Protein backbone atom coordinates (compact mmCIF):
# COMPACT_ATOMS: atom_id res chain seq x y z
CA MET A 1 0.00 0.00 0.00
CA THR A 2 1.45 3.38 -0.98
CA LYS A 3 1.30 6.38 1.32
CA PRO A 4 -0.40 9.61 0.22
CA ALA A 5 1.97 12.14 -1.38
CA HIS A 6 1.53 14.73 1.40
CA LEU A 7 2.70 12.20 4.02
CA LEU A 8 5.79 11.38 1.94
CA ARG A 9 6.61 15.10 1.67
CA LEU A 10 6.17 15.54 5.42
CA ARG A 11 8.38 12.52 6.11
CA ALA A 12 11.05 13.84 3.69
CA ALA A 13 10.88 17.29 5.31
CA GLY A 14 11.24 15.71 8.75
CA LEU A 15 14.29 13.72 7.64
CA LEU A 16 15.83 16.84 6.12
CA ALA A 17 15.27 18.80 9.35
CA LEU A 18 16.87 15.97 11.33
CA ALA A 19 19.85 15.88 8.96
CA LEU A 20 20.31 19.67 9.24
CA ALA A 21 20.17 19.45 13.02
CA LEU A 22 22.82 16.72 13.02
CA VAL A 23 25.07 18.75 10.70
CA THR A 24 24.70 21.80 12.95
CA VAL A 25 25.71 19.76 15.99
CA ALA A 26 28.63 18.21 14.11
CA VAL A 27 30.17 21.57 13.14
CA SER A 28 29.91 23.28 16.52
CA CYS A 29 32.90 23.25 18.85
CA ALA A 30 32.94 23.37 22.63
CA ASP A 31 35.60 26.10 22.79
CA GLU A 32 34.54 28.26 19.80
CA ALA A 33 31.32 29.90 18.69
CA ALA A 34 29.24 27.90 16.21
CA VAL A 35 30.31 28.27 12.60
CA ALA A 36 27.83 30.15 10.45
CA PRO A 37 27.14 29.04 6.90
CA ALA A 38 29.00 30.89 4.13
CA SER A 39 26.54 33.75 3.88
CA ALA A 40 27.39 37.38 4.46
CA GLY A 41 23.90 38.36 5.63
CA ASP A 42 23.32 42.07 6.34
CA LEU A 43 26.79 43.47 6.99
CA ARG A 44 25.28 46.33 8.98
CA GLN A 45 24.59 43.73 11.69
CA ALA A 46 28.11 42.23 11.68
CA PRO A 47 30.00 42.36 15.00
CA TRP A 48 32.34 45.11 13.74
CA ALA A 49 29.50 47.30 12.45
CA HIS A 50 26.84 46.88 15.13
CA GLN A 51 28.17 47.26 18.68
CA PRO A 52 25.28 48.58 20.81
CA ASP A 53 26.79 47.13 24.00
CA GLY A 54 30.44 47.85 23.22
CA SER A 55 32.97 45.76 21.36
CA PRO A 56 32.22 42.03 21.60
CA SER A 57 35.06 39.53 21.86
CA ILE A 58 36.02 37.46 18.81
CA HIS A 59 35.62 34.44 21.08
CA ASP A 60 32.01 35.30 22.01
CA VAL A 61 30.42 35.87 18.59
CA PRO A 62 29.49 33.36 15.89
CA ALA A 63 32.06 33.16 13.13
CA GLU A 64 31.05 35.25 10.12
CA ALA A 65 31.78 34.36 6.50
CA SER A 66 34.89 35.67 4.78
CA LEU A 67 35.24 37.55 1.50
CA ALA A 68 37.69 36.83 -1.30
CA PHE A 69 38.64 40.01 -3.13
CA PRO A 70 39.87 40.20 -6.72
CA PRO A 71 43.64 40.03 -7.28
CA GLY A 72 45.43 43.34 -6.70
CA VAL A 73 43.04 44.66 -4.03
CA THR A 74 45.03 45.71 -0.95
CA TYR A 75 43.90 45.35 2.66
CA ALA A 76 43.24 49.11 2.79
CA GLN A 77 41.19 48.99 -0.42
CA ALA A 78 39.26 45.96 0.84
CA LEU A 79 38.34 47.81 4.06
CA THR A 80 37.18 50.84 2.08
CA GLN A 81 35.11 48.73 -0.33
CA LEU A 82 33.62 46.77 2.58
CA LEU A 83 32.61 49.84 4.57
CA VAL A 84 31.12 51.65 1.58
CA SER A 85 29.17 48.60 0.43
CA ALA A 86 27.96 47.76 3.94
CA ALA A 87 26.77 51.32 4.49
CA ARG A 88 25.03 51.58 1.13
CA THR A 89 23.41 48.16 0.78
CA GLY A 90 24.40 45.89 3.66
CA ALA A 91 25.75 43.47 1.05
CA PRO A 92 29.32 42.44 0.20
CA PRO A 93 31.20 44.63 -2.28
CA PRO A 94 30.71 43.83 -5.97
CA GLY A 95 33.35 41.46 -7.33
CA THR A 96 33.90 39.65 -4.03
CA VAL A 97 33.14 36.01 -3.32
CA VAL A 98 31.59 34.89 -0.02
CA LEU A 99 33.52 31.97 1.50
CA ASP A 100 33.48 30.00 4.74
CA PRO A 101 34.66 31.74 7.92
CA LEU A 102 38.33 32.11 8.73
CA PRO A 103 39.68 30.93 12.09
CA ALA A 104 38.51 33.35 14.82
CA GLU A 105 41.87 35.08 15.27
CA VAL A 106 42.60 35.58 11.53
CA VAL A 107 41.65 39.00 10.15
CA TYR A 108 42.87 38.41 6.62
CA VAL A 109 44.85 36.00 4.49
CA THR A 110 47.41 37.34 2.03
CA PRO A 111 47.23 35.89 -1.50
CA ALA A 112 48.97 32.55 -2.06
CA GLY A 113 49.94 33.59 -5.59
CA PRO A 114 49.68 36.41 -8.14
CA GLY A 115 46.30 35.26 -9.48
CA GLU A 116 44.62 35.41 -6.08
CA GLY A 117 43.28 38.21 -3.90
CA ILE A 118 43.19 38.70 -0.18
CA ARG A 119 40.58 36.93 1.91
CA LEU A 120 39.00 39.11 4.61
CA SER A 121 37.17 38.00 7.75
CA LEU A 122 33.71 39.48 8.23
CA THR A 123 33.93 38.76 11.96
CA ALA A 124 36.65 41.35 12.62
CA PRO A 125 37.92 42.97 9.40
CA TRP A 126 39.50 45.87 11.33
CA GLY A 127 41.16 43.43 13.72
CA TRP A 128 40.76 42.82 17.41
CA VAL A 129 42.56 43.76 20.61
CA PRO A 130 44.93 40.94 21.61
CA ALA A 131 44.60 41.51 25.37
CA THR A 132 40.78 41.31 25.40
CA GLY A 133 39.64 39.91 22.05
CA ALA A 134 37.51 43.05 21.54
CA ILE A 135 36.52 43.49 17.90
CA ARG A 136 37.63 46.82 16.48
CA ALA A 137 35.02 49.00 14.79
CA PRO A 138 35.86 50.95 11.64
CA SER A 139 37.06 54.51 12.04
CA TYR A 140 38.15 57.35 9.81
CA SER A 141 40.48 60.32 9.96
CA LEU A 142 39.99 63.85 8.75
CA PRO A 143 42.81 66.11 7.60
CA GLY A 144 44.85 67.35 10.56
CA SER A 145 44.58 70.90 9.27
CA LEU A 146 40.88 71.07 10.26
CA THR A 147 39.87 72.69 13.51
CA ALA A 148 37.57 70.77 15.86
CA GLU A 149 34.67 72.94 14.70
CA GLU A 150 35.45 72.27 11.01
CA ALA A 151 35.72 68.52 11.65
CA THR A 152 32.38 68.51 13.45
CA ALA A 153 30.79 70.54 10.65
CA ALA A 154 32.20 68.11 8.03
CA ALA A 155 30.78 65.12 9.91
CA ARG A 156 27.37 66.81 10.24
CA ALA A 157 27.33 67.79 6.56
CA ALA A 158 28.14 64.21 5.52
CA ARG A 159 25.38 62.84 7.71
CA ALA A 160 22.87 65.39 6.40
CA SER A 161 23.75 64.64 2.76
CA GLY A 162 23.72 60.87 3.21
CA ALA A 163 27.42 60.59 2.43
CA ILE A 164 29.25 57.65 3.97
CA LEU A 165 32.30 59.70 4.95
CA PRO A 166 32.90 63.42 5.40
CA GLN A 167 34.70 65.13 2.53
CA GLY A 168 38.46 64.60 2.85
CA ALA A 169 38.09 61.69 5.27
CA GLU A 170 40.11 58.49 4.92
CA ILE A 171 39.25 55.13 6.43
CA ASP A 172 41.77 54.15 9.08
CA VAL A 173 43.75 51.02 8.28
CA PRO A 174 44.98 49.35 11.46
CA VAL A 175 48.48 47.99 11.85
CA LEU A 176 47.68 44.42 12.84
CA PRO A 177 49.79 42.12 15.00
CA ALA A 178 51.43 39.33 12.98
CA CYS A 179 49.19 36.68 14.54
CA GLU A 180 46.08 38.28 12.98
CA ILE A 181 47.43 37.92 9.42
CA ALA A 182 47.75 34.55 7.68
CA HIS A 183 49.94 34.08 4.62
CA GLY A 184 48.62 32.02 1.70
CA THR A 185 46.33 29.78 3.80
CA PRO A 186 44.25 30.53 6.93
CA ASP A 187 46.50 28.40 9.16
CA ALA A 188 49.84 29.87 8.02
CA ARG A 189 50.43 32.43 10.77
CA VAL A 190 52.23 32.89 14.03
CA PRO A 191 50.16 31.99 17.11
CA CYS A 192 48.58 34.67 19.27
CA SER A 193 49.95 34.20 22.77
């Protein structure tokens, strides 16, 4: 006797849900946050962009996907593209490829060869503080020739016009400790002590 089609679909859906639950359990680790699927989601909600309660620790947030940039894009250019795209659309920059998360302590991976680009963590693209694990938020600098009043006026004008950065501003590029940068592969780096 054959079962009605709707019961077969329900049984198949139940088996799929069970399989997904087992996969989720299999990829979680006791000492690290659960690994998220390779999806960038809304970057405006990423741990570096949305910090309503202060900077979270890289060890306390779920691992975010990583982005592979086209060959020739520098770390500084990747940060600029990421911030602009996140602010405008919440999506990854055009031309990037969403990949699985990097290890928690890796901010970016340098290219393995000339035909590859850097791979940037979406968990902490601006790095993290080694002593606390606090994820750094993006920041920018204005020309040093501006007075405090001029800098404030530039920031207000940018906000009022919908600009991402005030005119003349540059996104700050952190100098990262060696342990936050991998070379060629995500595991090729010095350990963070």
